[in-house]
């Protein structure tokens, strides 16, 4: 059984989420919560007990996937130009899965 590399999984996640975040920002004022990176890190790692489990770079932006001990998760994008971090997704029940193989049911 072949495993999907973490970098490929992060790239696929980014390809799916970035157009959503960009569309929201281009439609007027940002509709996603944004703050200076230190404040976001403090909140996610302190209050929510999450830590970074994946990180990737997209056009001068850093995408991070954060995961908490009970399966909570957050996806953030930090803009290198201004150091502002935006929360673009959050949820519960994040867990690792095996690769999808031909003929398997989703």
N, C-alpha and C. Protein backbone atom coordinates (compact mmCIF):
# COMPACT_ATOMS: atom_id res chain seq x y z
N UNK A 1 0.84 -1.17 0.00
CA UNK A 1 0.00 0.00 0.00
C UNK A 1 0.89 1.24 0.00
N UNK A 2 0.64 2.18 -0.87
CA UNK A 2 1.44 3.39 -0.98
C UNK A 2 0.84 4.49 -0.12
N UNK A 3 1.68 5.19 0.65
CA UNK A 3 1.22 6.29 1.50
C UNK A 3 1.44 7.60 0.76
N UNK A 4 0.52 8.54 0.95
CA UNK A 4 0.64 9.86 0.35
C UNK A 4 1.59 10.68 1.22
N UNK A 5 2.67 11.25 0.64
CA UNK A 5 3.59 12.06 1.42
C UNK A 5 2.87 13.25 2.04
N UNK A 6 3.31 13.65 3.23
CA UNK A 6 2.69 14.77 3.94
C UNK A 6 2.72 16.04 3.11
N UNK A 7 3.80 16.27 2.38
CA UNK A 7 3.90 17.48 1.57
C UNK A 7 2.83 17.50 0.48
N UNK A 8 2.55 16.34 -0.11
CA UNK A 8 1.52 16.25 -1.14
C UNK A 8 0.14 16.49 -0.54
N UNK A 9 -0.10 15.95 0.65
CA UNK A 9 -1.38 16.16 1.31
C UNK A 9 -1.57 17.63 1.65
N UNK A 10 -0.52 18.30 2.13
CA UNK A 10 -0.60 19.72 2.46
C UNK A 10 -0.85 20.55 1.20
N UNK A 11 -0.19 20.18 0.10
CA UNK A 11 -0.39 20.90 -1.15
C UNK A 11 -1.83 20.76 -1.65
N UNK A 12 -2.38 19.57 -1.52
CA UNK A 12 -3.76 19.35 -1.95
C UNK A 12 -4.72 20.16 -1.09
N UNK A 13 -4.48 20.18 0.21
CA UNK A 13 -5.31 20.98 1.12
C UNK A 13 -5.22 22.46 0.77
N UNK A 14 -4.02 22.92 0.51
CA UNK A 14 -3.82 24.33 0.17
C UNK A 14 -4.52 24.68 -1.14
N UNK A 15 -4.41 23.80 -2.13
CA UNK A 15 -5.04 24.05 -3.42
C UNK A 15 -6.55 24.17 -3.27
N UNK A 16 -7.12 23.43 -2.33
CA UNK A 16 -8.55 23.47 -2.09
C UNK A 16 -8.96 24.72 -1.31
N UNK A 17 -8.20 25.09 -0.29
CA UNK A 17 -8.60 26.17 0.61
C UNK A 17 -8.21 27.57 0.15
N UNK A 18 -7.09 27.74 -0.53
CA UNK A 18 -6.62 29.07 -0.88
C UNK A 18 -7.59 29.85 -1.77
N UNK A 19 -8.21 29.24 -2.80
CA UNK A 19 -9.16 30.02 -3.60
C UNK A 19 -10.33 30.55 -2.77
N UNK A 20 -10.75 29.80 -1.76
CA UNK A 20 -11.84 30.23 -0.90
C UNK A 20 -11.42 31.47 -0.12
N UNK A 21 -10.24 31.43 0.50
CA UNK A 21 -9.75 32.56 1.28
C UNK A 21 -9.53 33.78 0.38
N UNK A 22 -8.96 33.57 -0.80
CA UNK A 22 -8.71 34.68 -1.71
C UNK A 22 -10.01 35.29 -2.21
N UNK A 23 -11.01 34.47 -2.50
CA UNK A 23 -12.30 34.98 -2.97
C UNK A 23 -12.97 35.81 -1.89
N UNK A 24 -12.88 35.36 -0.63
CA UNK A 24 -13.48 36.12 0.45
C UNK A 24 -12.80 37.48 0.61
N UNK A 25 -11.48 37.51 0.47
CA UNK A 25 -10.76 38.76 0.65
C UNK A 25 -10.96 39.70 -0.51
N UNK A 26 -11.13 39.19 -1.74
CA UNK A 26 -11.29 40.07 -2.89
C UNK A 26 -12.72 40.61 -3.00
N UNK A 27 -13.67 40.03 -2.27
CA UNK A 27 -15.06 40.47 -2.32
C UNK A 27 -15.32 41.66 -1.41
N UNK A 28 -14.31 42.19 -0.79
CA UNK A 28 -14.47 43.32 0.12
C UNK A 28 -13.59 43.11 1.33
N UNK A 29 -13.99 43.65 2.47
CA UNK A 29 -13.19 43.46 3.68
C UNK A 29 -13.04 41.97 4.01
N UNK A 30 -11.89 41.57 4.57
CA UNK A 30 -11.70 40.16 4.90
C UNK A 30 -12.83 39.62 5.78
N UNK A 31 -13.30 38.44 5.45
CA UNK A 31 -14.37 37.82 6.21
C UNK A 31 -13.85 36.67 7.05
N UNK A 32 -12.55 36.54 7.13
CA UNK A 32 -11.94 35.53 7.97
C UNK A 32 -11.23 36.25 9.11
N UNK A 33 -11.19 35.64 10.31
CA UNK A 33 -10.52 36.31 11.43
C UNK A 33 -9.01 36.37 11.21
N UNK A 34 -8.43 37.57 11.31
CA UNK A 34 -7.00 37.77 11.11
C UNK A 34 -6.44 38.58 12.27
N UNK A 35 -5.17 38.33 12.60
CA UNK A 35 -4.49 39.05 13.68
C UNK A 35 -2.99 38.88 13.48
N UNK A 36 -2.19 39.68 14.20
CA UNK A 36 -0.74 39.47 14.13
C UNK A 36 -0.41 38.03 14.56
N UNK A 37 0.58 37.42 13.88
CA UNK A 37 0.92 36.02 14.12
C UNK A 37 1.12 35.68 15.59
N UNK A 38 1.86 36.48 16.39
CA UNK A 38 2.06 36.10 17.80
C UNK A 38 0.74 35.92 18.57
N UNK A 39 -0.26 36.73 18.28
CA UNK A 39 -1.54 36.60 18.97
C UNK A 39 -2.25 35.31 18.58
N UNK A 40 -2.18 34.96 17.29
CA UNK A 40 -2.82 33.73 16.82
C UNK A 40 -2.12 32.51 17.41
N UNK A 41 -0.79 32.51 17.39
CA UNK A 41 -0.01 31.40 17.95
C UNK A 41 -0.34 31.23 19.44
N UNK A 42 -0.41 32.33 20.16
CA UNK A 42 -0.71 32.28 21.59
C UNK A 42 -2.09 31.66 21.83
N UNK A 43 -3.06 32.05 21.03
CA UNK A 43 -4.41 31.52 21.18
C UNK A 43 -4.49 30.04 20.84
N UNK A 44 -3.93 29.67 19.69
CA UNK A 44 -4.02 28.27 19.26
C UNK A 44 -3.23 27.34 20.17
N UNK A 45 -2.01 27.74 20.55
CA UNK A 45 -1.19 26.86 21.37
C UNK A 45 -1.57 26.92 22.84
N UNK A 46 -2.06 28.05 23.30
CA UNK A 46 -2.42 28.19 24.71
C UNK A 46 -3.85 27.75 24.98
N UNK A 47 -4.78 28.59 24.59
CA UNK A 47 -6.20 28.34 24.86
C UNK A 47 -6.72 27.04 24.25
N UNK A 48 -6.31 26.77 23.01
CA UNK A 48 -6.84 25.60 22.29
C UNK A 48 -5.93 24.37 22.35
N UNK A 49 -4.73 24.52 22.90
CA UNK A 49 -3.77 23.41 23.07
C UNK A 49 -3.42 22.73 21.75
N UNK A 50 -3.39 23.52 20.65
CA UNK A 50 -3.04 22.97 19.35
C UNK A 50 -1.57 23.24 19.03
N UNK A 51 -1.02 22.37 18.19
CA UNK A 51 0.36 22.56 17.73
C UNK A 51 0.41 22.31 16.23
N UNK A 52 1.41 22.91 15.58
CA UNK A 52 1.56 22.76 14.14
C UNK A 52 1.96 21.33 13.79
N UNK A 53 1.22 20.72 12.87
CA UNK A 53 1.55 19.36 12.42
C UNK A 53 1.93 19.33 10.94
N UNK A 54 1.61 20.39 10.20
CA UNK A 54 1.99 20.51 8.79
C UNK A 54 2.23 21.97 8.48
N UNK A 55 3.15 22.21 7.55
CA UNK A 55 3.47 23.59 7.15
C UNK A 55 3.93 23.58 5.70
N UNK A 56 3.52 24.59 4.94
CA UNK A 56 3.94 24.71 3.56
C UNK A 56 3.93 26.17 3.13
N UNK A 57 4.62 26.48 2.05
CA UNK A 57 4.72 27.84 1.53
C UNK A 57 3.97 27.93 0.20
N UNK A 58 3.14 28.97 0.07
CA UNK A 58 2.37 29.20 -1.14
C UNK A 58 2.49 30.68 -1.49
N UNK A 59 3.20 31.00 -2.55
CA UNK A 59 3.30 32.39 -3.03
C UNK A 59 3.56 33.40 -1.92
N UNK A 60 4.58 33.16 -1.10
CA UNK A 60 4.92 34.10 -0.05
C UNK A 60 4.02 34.03 1.18
N UNK A 61 3.19 33.01 1.24
CA UNK A 61 2.32 32.80 2.40
C UNK A 61 2.64 31.45 3.01
N UNK A 62 2.53 31.38 4.33
CA UNK A 62 2.79 30.12 5.02
C UNK A 62 1.46 29.52 5.47
N UNK A 63 1.16 28.34 4.96
CA UNK A 63 -0.03 27.60 5.36
C UNK A 63 0.37 26.65 6.48
N UNK A 64 -0.42 26.62 7.55
CA UNK A 64 -0.14 25.70 8.65
C UNK A 64 -1.42 24.97 9.04
N UNK A 65 -1.26 23.70 9.37
CA UNK A 65 -2.34 22.90 9.92
C UNK A 65 -1.97 22.64 11.38
N UNK A 66 -2.85 23.03 12.27
CA UNK A 66 -2.66 22.87 13.71
C UNK A 66 -3.59 21.76 14.19
N UNK A 67 -3.15 20.98 15.19
CA UNK A 67 -3.98 19.89 15.71
C UNK A 67 -3.89 19.87 17.23
N UNK A 68 -5.03 19.69 17.87
CA UNK A 68 -5.10 19.57 19.32
C UNK A 68 -5.09 18.12 19.76
N UNK A 69 -4.86 17.86 21.04
CA UNK A 69 -4.77 16.48 21.54
C UNK A 69 -6.06 15.68 21.41
N UNK A 70 -7.20 16.36 21.33
CA UNK A 70 -8.48 15.67 21.21
C UNK A 70 -9.04 15.66 19.79
N UNK A 71 -8.21 16.08 18.80
CA UNK A 71 -8.65 16.05 17.41
C UNK A 71 -9.16 17.37 16.86
N UNK A 72 -9.16 18.43 17.68
CA UNK A 72 -9.53 19.74 17.12
C UNK A 72 -8.45 20.15 16.13
N UNK A 73 -8.80 21.00 15.17
CA UNK A 73 -7.78 21.46 14.23
C UNK A 73 -8.12 22.85 13.73
N UNK A 74 -7.07 23.53 13.27
CA UNK A 74 -7.19 24.86 12.67
C UNK A 74 -6.26 24.92 11.48
N UNK A 75 -6.65 25.67 10.46
CA UNK A 75 -5.80 25.91 9.30
C UNK A 75 -5.60 27.41 9.21
N UNK A 76 -4.33 27.83 9.19
CA UNK A 76 -4.01 29.25 9.14
C UNK A 76 -3.14 29.56 7.92
N UNK A 77 -3.20 30.83 7.50
CA UNK A 77 -2.32 31.33 6.46
C UNK A 77 -1.70 32.61 7.00
N UNK A 78 -0.35 32.67 6.97
CA UNK A 78 0.36 33.86 7.40
C UNK A 78 0.95 34.54 6.17
N UNK A 79 0.68 35.82 6.05
CA UNK A 79 1.18 36.61 4.93
C UNK A 79 2.56 37.14 5.30
N UNK A 80 3.58 36.75 4.53
CA UNK A 80 4.96 37.12 4.83
C UNK A 80 5.16 38.64 4.79
N UNK A 81 4.46 39.33 3.93
CA UNK A 81 4.66 40.77 3.76
C UNK A 81 4.31 41.58 5.00
N UNK A 82 3.29 41.13 5.74
CA UNK A 82 2.85 41.93 6.89
C UNK A 82 2.77 41.15 8.21
N UNK A 83 3.04 39.84 8.18
CA UNK A 83 3.02 39.04 9.41
C UNK A 83 1.64 38.78 9.97
N UNK A 84 0.60 39.07 9.19
CA UNK A 84 -0.77 38.84 9.65
C UNK A 84 -1.14 37.39 9.36
N UNK A 85 -1.75 36.74 10.35
CA UNK A 85 -2.19 35.36 10.22
C UNK A 85 -3.71 35.32 10.21
N UNK A 86 -4.27 34.57 9.26
CA UNK A 86 -5.72 34.44 9.14
C UNK A 86 -6.12 32.99 9.38
N UNK A 87 -7.17 32.80 10.13
CA UNK A 87 -7.74 31.48 10.38
C UNK A 87 -8.70 31.20 9.24
N UNK A 88 -8.39 30.20 8.41
CA UNK A 88 -9.24 29.93 7.25
C UNK A 88 -10.12 28.70 7.42
N UNK A 89 -9.86 27.89 8.44
CA UNK A 89 -10.72 26.74 8.72
C UNK A 89 -10.43 26.23 10.12
N UNK A 90 -11.44 25.64 10.74
CA UNK A 90 -11.25 24.97 12.02
C UNK A 90 -12.34 23.92 12.17
N UNK A 91 -12.07 22.94 13.00
CA UNK A 91 -13.06 21.88 13.16
C UNK A 91 -12.64 20.88 14.21
N UNK A 92 -13.27 19.72 14.15
CA UNK A 92 -13.02 18.65 15.12
C UNK A 92 -12.80 17.33 14.40
N UNK A 93 -12.33 16.36 15.13
CA UNK A 93 -12.19 14.98 14.65
C UNK A 93 -11.16 14.80 13.55
N UNK A 94 -10.07 15.58 13.58
CA UNK A 94 -8.99 15.40 12.60
C UNK A 94 -8.23 14.13 12.94
N UNK A 95 -8.05 13.27 11.97
CA UNK A 95 -7.29 12.04 12.17
C UNK A 95 -6.63 11.61 10.87
N UNK A 96 -5.58 10.84 10.99
CA UNK A 96 -4.86 10.33 9.83
C UNK A 96 -5.65 9.22 9.17
N UNK A 97 -5.54 9.15 7.85
CA UNK A 97 -6.19 8.08 7.11
C UNK A 97 -5.19 7.48 6.13
N UNK A 98 -5.47 6.29 5.68
CA UNK A 98 -4.63 5.67 4.68
C UNK A 98 -4.97 6.24 3.31
N UNK A 99 -4.19 5.89 2.32
CA UNK A 99 -4.45 6.40 0.97
C UNK A 99 -5.72 5.78 0.38
N UNK A 100 -6.34 6.52 -0.51
CA UNK A 100 -7.50 6.01 -1.24
C UNK A 100 -6.97 5.13 -2.35
N UNK A 101 -7.44 3.92 -2.44
CA UNK A 101 -6.99 3.01 -3.48
C UNK A 101 -8.10 2.78 -4.48
N UNK A 102 -7.71 2.35 -5.65
CA UNK A 102 -8.68 2.09 -6.71
C UNK A 102 -9.73 1.10 -6.22
N UNK A 103 -10.98 1.47 -6.40
CA UNK A 103 -12.08 0.59 -6.01
C UNK A 103 -12.54 0.77 -4.57
N UNK A 104 -11.84 1.60 -3.80
CA UNK A 104 -12.27 1.78 -2.41
C UNK A 104 -13.43 2.76 -2.37
N UNK A 105 -14.28 2.63 -1.37
CA UNK A 105 -15.43 3.51 -1.21
C UNK A 105 -15.04 4.63 -0.24
N UNK A 106 -15.40 5.87 -0.58
CA UNK A 106 -15.12 7.01 0.30
C UNK A 106 -16.19 7.15 1.34
